[in-house]
């Protein structure tokens, strides 16, 4: 994520699974006072975890990769 931020001006956030790209764009622009050029999203599956003989999954999450305008950080 550090290379994305330094070289391509992209930042990675975990967001609410029900949020869409427009909602993510508006939230980032309002919270950080920057101009968002693009938002790419992906759903991240939960991983299998065990505690003794009990097996479960970590929660599914949504990852957003946000591309900012040149000059914004």
N, C-alpha and C. Protein backbone atom coordinates (compact mmCIF):
# COMPACT_ATOMS: atom_id res chain seq x y z
N UNK A 1 0.82 -1.19 0.00
CA UNK A 1 0.00 0.00 0.00
C UNK A 1 0.86 1.25 0.00
N UNK A 2 2.06 1.17 0.58
CA UNK A 2 2.93 2.34 0.61
C UNK A 2 3.40 2.69 -0.80
N UNK A 3 3.75 1.68 -1.60
CA UNK A 3 4.17 1.94 -2.97
C UNK A 3 3.05 2.55 -3.79
N UNK A 4 1.82 2.06 -3.61
CA UNK A 4 0.68 2.63 -4.33
C UNK A 4 0.53 4.10 -3.99
N UNK A 5 0.66 4.45 -2.72
CA UNK A 5 0.48 5.83 -2.29
C UNK A 5 1.58 6.72 -2.85
N UNK A 6 2.81 6.25 -2.82
CA UNK A 6 3.93 7.07 -3.25
C UNK A 6 4.01 7.20 -4.76
N UNK A 7 3.80 6.11 -5.48
CA UNK A 7 4.04 6.12 -6.92
C UNK A 7 2.79 6.46 -7.73
N UNK A 8 1.62 5.96 -7.31
CA UNK A 8 0.43 6.11 -8.14
C UNK A 8 -0.66 6.95 -7.48
N UNK A 9 -0.40 7.49 -6.28
CA UNK A 9 -1.36 8.33 -5.57
C UNK A 9 -2.67 7.58 -5.29
N UNK A 10 -2.55 6.29 -4.92
CA UNK A 10 -3.70 5.45 -4.58
C UNK A 10 -3.63 5.07 -3.11
N UNK A 11 -4.79 5.05 -2.46
CA UNK A 11 -4.87 4.73 -1.04
C UNK A 11 -5.91 3.64 -0.83
N UNK A 12 -5.65 2.74 0.13
CA UNK A 12 -6.51 1.58 0.36
C UNK A 12 -7.27 1.76 1.68
N UNK A 13 -8.58 1.52 1.63
CA UNK A 13 -9.45 1.61 2.81
C UNK A 13 -10.31 0.37 2.88
N UNK A 14 -10.62 -0.09 4.10
CA UNK A 14 -11.67 -1.08 4.29
C UNK A 14 -12.94 -0.30 4.60
N UNK A 15 -13.99 -0.58 3.85
CA UNK A 15 -15.24 0.18 3.96
C UNK A 15 -16.39 -0.76 4.29
N UNK A 16 -17.54 -0.18 4.61
CA UNK A 16 -18.75 -0.96 4.86
C UNK A 16 -19.10 -1.77 3.62
N UNK A 17 -19.52 -3.02 3.82
CA UNK A 17 -19.79 -3.91 2.68
C UNK A 17 -20.95 -3.44 1.82
N UNK A 18 -21.85 -2.64 2.38
CA UNK A 18 -22.99 -2.18 1.60
C UNK A 18 -22.73 -0.85 0.88
N UNK A 19 -21.56 -0.24 1.11
CA UNK A 19 -21.25 1.05 0.48
C UNK A 19 -20.94 0.86 -1.00
N UNK A 20 -21.43 1.79 -1.82
CA UNK A 20 -21.10 1.74 -3.25
C UNK A 20 -20.02 2.77 -3.56
N UNK A 21 -19.57 2.81 -4.81
CA UNK A 21 -18.43 3.66 -5.18
C UNK A 21 -18.74 5.14 -4.99
N UNK A 22 -19.97 5.54 -5.29
CA UNK A 22 -20.34 6.95 -5.16
C UNK A 22 -20.32 7.36 -3.69
N UNK A 23 -20.85 6.52 -2.81
CA UNK A 23 -20.84 6.82 -1.38
C UNK A 23 -19.42 6.88 -0.84
N UNK A 24 -18.56 5.98 -1.30
CA UNK A 24 -17.16 5.97 -0.87
C UNK A 24 -16.47 7.24 -1.33
N UNK A 25 -16.68 7.63 -2.59
CA UNK A 25 -16.08 8.86 -3.14
C UNK A 25 -16.50 10.08 -2.32
N UNK A 26 -17.80 10.21 -2.05
CA UNK A 26 -18.30 11.37 -1.30
C UNK A 26 -17.74 11.40 0.11
N UNK A 27 -17.65 10.25 0.77
CA UNK A 27 -17.14 10.20 2.14
C UNK A 27 -15.66 10.59 2.19
N UNK A 28 -14.85 10.06 1.27
CA UNK A 28 -13.41 10.37 1.25
C UNK A 28 -13.19 11.85 0.97
N UNK A 29 -13.92 12.40 -0.01
CA UNK A 29 -13.75 13.82 -0.35
C UNK A 29 -14.14 14.72 0.82
N UNK A 30 -15.19 14.34 1.55
CA UNK A 30 -15.65 15.16 2.67
C UNK A 30 -14.72 15.03 3.88
N UNK A 31 -14.30 13.80 4.20
CA UNK A 31 -13.47 13.58 5.38
C UNK A 31 -12.07 14.16 5.24
N UNK A 32 -11.45 13.98 4.07
CA UNK A 32 -10.04 14.34 3.91
C UNK A 32 -9.83 15.59 3.06
N UNK A 33 -10.91 16.20 2.54
CA UNK A 33 -10.83 17.43 1.75
C UNK A 33 -9.88 17.26 0.55
N UNK A 34 -10.10 16.20 -0.23
CA UNK A 34 -9.30 15.91 -1.42
C UNK A 34 -10.24 15.67 -2.60
N UNK A 35 -9.68 15.60 -3.81
CA UNK A 35 -10.45 15.31 -5.02
C UNK A 35 -10.17 13.87 -5.43
N UNK A 36 -11.22 13.05 -5.49
CA UNK A 36 -11.09 11.63 -5.86
C UNK A 36 -11.30 11.49 -7.36
N UNK A 37 -10.34 10.84 -8.04
CA UNK A 37 -10.47 10.59 -9.48
C UNK A 37 -11.18 9.28 -9.77
N UNK A 38 -10.89 8.23 -9.00
CA UNK A 38 -11.47 6.92 -9.27
C UNK A 38 -11.55 6.11 -7.98
N UNK A 39 -12.52 5.19 -7.96
CA UNK A 39 -12.68 4.27 -6.83
C UNK A 39 -12.81 2.86 -7.40
N UNK A 40 -11.95 1.96 -6.97
CA UNK A 40 -12.04 0.54 -7.33
C UNK A 40 -12.35 -0.23 -6.06
N UNK A 41 -13.29 -1.18 -6.15
CA UNK A 41 -13.67 -1.94 -4.96
C UNK A 41 -13.51 -3.43 -5.22
N UNK A 42 -13.33 -4.16 -4.12
CA UNK A 42 -13.29 -5.62 -4.20
C UNK A 42 -13.80 -6.18 -2.89
N UNK A 43 -14.47 -7.32 -2.97
CA UNK A 43 -14.92 -8.02 -1.77
C UNK A 43 -13.85 -9.01 -1.35
N UNK A 44 -13.46 -8.96 -0.08
CA UNK A 44 -12.41 -9.82 0.45
C UNK A 44 -13.08 -10.91 1.28
N UNK A 45 -12.86 -12.16 0.91
CA UNK A 45 -13.45 -13.29 1.64
C UNK A 45 -12.86 -13.39 3.04
N UNK A 46 -13.65 -13.93 3.96
CA UNK A 46 -13.15 -14.20 5.30
C UNK A 46 -12.21 -15.39 5.29
N UNK A 47 -11.28 -15.41 6.24
CA UNK A 47 -10.33 -16.51 6.33
C UNK A 47 -10.79 -17.51 7.38
N UNK A 48 -10.42 -18.77 7.18
CA UNK A 48 -10.75 -19.79 8.17
C UNK A 48 -9.84 -19.64 9.39
N UNK A 49 -10.45 -19.69 10.57
CA UNK A 49 -9.71 -19.62 11.82
C UNK A 49 -10.22 -20.71 12.74
N UNK A 50 -9.33 -21.20 13.61
CA UNK A 50 -9.70 -22.24 14.57
C UNK A 50 -9.35 -21.82 15.97
N UNK A 51 -10.20 -22.21 16.91
CA UNK A 51 -9.90 -22.12 18.33
C UNK A 51 -10.17 -23.50 18.88
N UNK A 52 -9.10 -24.25 19.12
CA UNK A 52 -9.27 -25.65 19.54
C UNK A 52 -9.93 -26.45 18.44
N UNK A 53 -11.03 -27.10 18.76
CA UNK A 53 -11.70 -27.90 17.73
C UNK A 53 -12.80 -27.12 17.01
N UNK A 54 -13.01 -25.86 17.40
CA UNK A 54 -14.06 -25.05 16.79
C UNK A 54 -13.49 -24.23 15.64
N UNK A 55 -14.14 -24.33 14.50
CA UNK A 55 -13.67 -23.65 13.31
C UNK A 55 -14.67 -22.57 12.94
N UNK A 56 -14.17 -21.45 12.47
CA UNK A 56 -15.05 -20.37 12.04
C UNK A 56 -14.37 -19.54 10.98
N UNK A 57 -15.02 -18.47 10.58
CA UNK A 57 -14.49 -17.57 9.56
C UNK A 57 -14.37 -16.16 10.13
N UNK A 58 -13.34 -15.44 9.69
CA UNK A 58 -13.30 -14.01 9.97
C UNK A 58 -14.34 -13.36 9.05
N UNK A 59 -14.83 -12.19 9.39
CA UNK A 59 -15.88 -11.58 8.58
C UNK A 59 -15.39 -11.19 7.18
N UNK A 60 -16.32 -11.25 6.21
CA UNK A 60 -16.01 -10.74 4.88
C UNK A 60 -15.91 -9.22 4.97
N UNK A 61 -15.05 -8.62 4.10
CA UNK A 61 -14.87 -7.18 4.11
C UNK A 61 -14.86 -6.66 2.68
N UNK A 62 -15.02 -5.36 2.53
CA UNK A 62 -14.91 -4.72 1.23
C UNK A 62 -13.71 -3.79 1.28
N UNK A 63 -12.85 -3.88 0.27
CA UNK A 63 -11.66 -3.05 0.17
C UNK A 63 -11.88 -2.04 -0.95
N UNK A 64 -11.55 -0.78 -0.69
CA UNK A 64 -11.67 0.27 -1.70
C UNK A 64 -10.28 0.85 -1.96
N UNK A 65 -9.90 0.89 -3.25
CA UNK A 65 -8.65 1.54 -3.66
C UNK A 65 -9.05 2.86 -4.30
N UNK A 66 -8.64 3.96 -3.66
CA UNK A 66 -9.07 5.30 -4.08
C UNK A 66 -7.90 6.01 -4.74
N UNK A 67 -8.12 6.49 -5.97
CA UNK A 67 -7.11 7.26 -6.70
C UNK A 67 -7.41 8.73 -6.51
N UNK A 68 -6.42 9.48 -6.01
CA UNK A 68 -6.60 10.90 -5.74
C UNK A 68 -6.03 11.75 -6.86
N UNK A 69 -6.49 12.98 -6.94
CA UNK A 69 -5.99 13.96 -7.89
C UNK A 69 -4.51 14.23 -7.61
N UNK A 70 -3.77 14.55 -8.64
CA UNK A 70 -2.34 14.85 -8.49
C UNK A 70 -2.16 16.01 -7.53
N UNK A 71 -1.27 15.87 -6.57
CA UNK A 71 -1.03 16.91 -5.58
C UNK A 71 -1.75 16.70 -4.27
N UNK A 72 -2.78 15.85 -4.24
CA UNK A 72 -3.50 15.55 -3.00
C UNK A 72 -2.84 14.38 -2.30
N UNK A 73 -2.88 14.40 -0.96
CA UNK A 73 -2.34 13.29 -0.16
C UNK A 73 -3.36 12.89 0.86
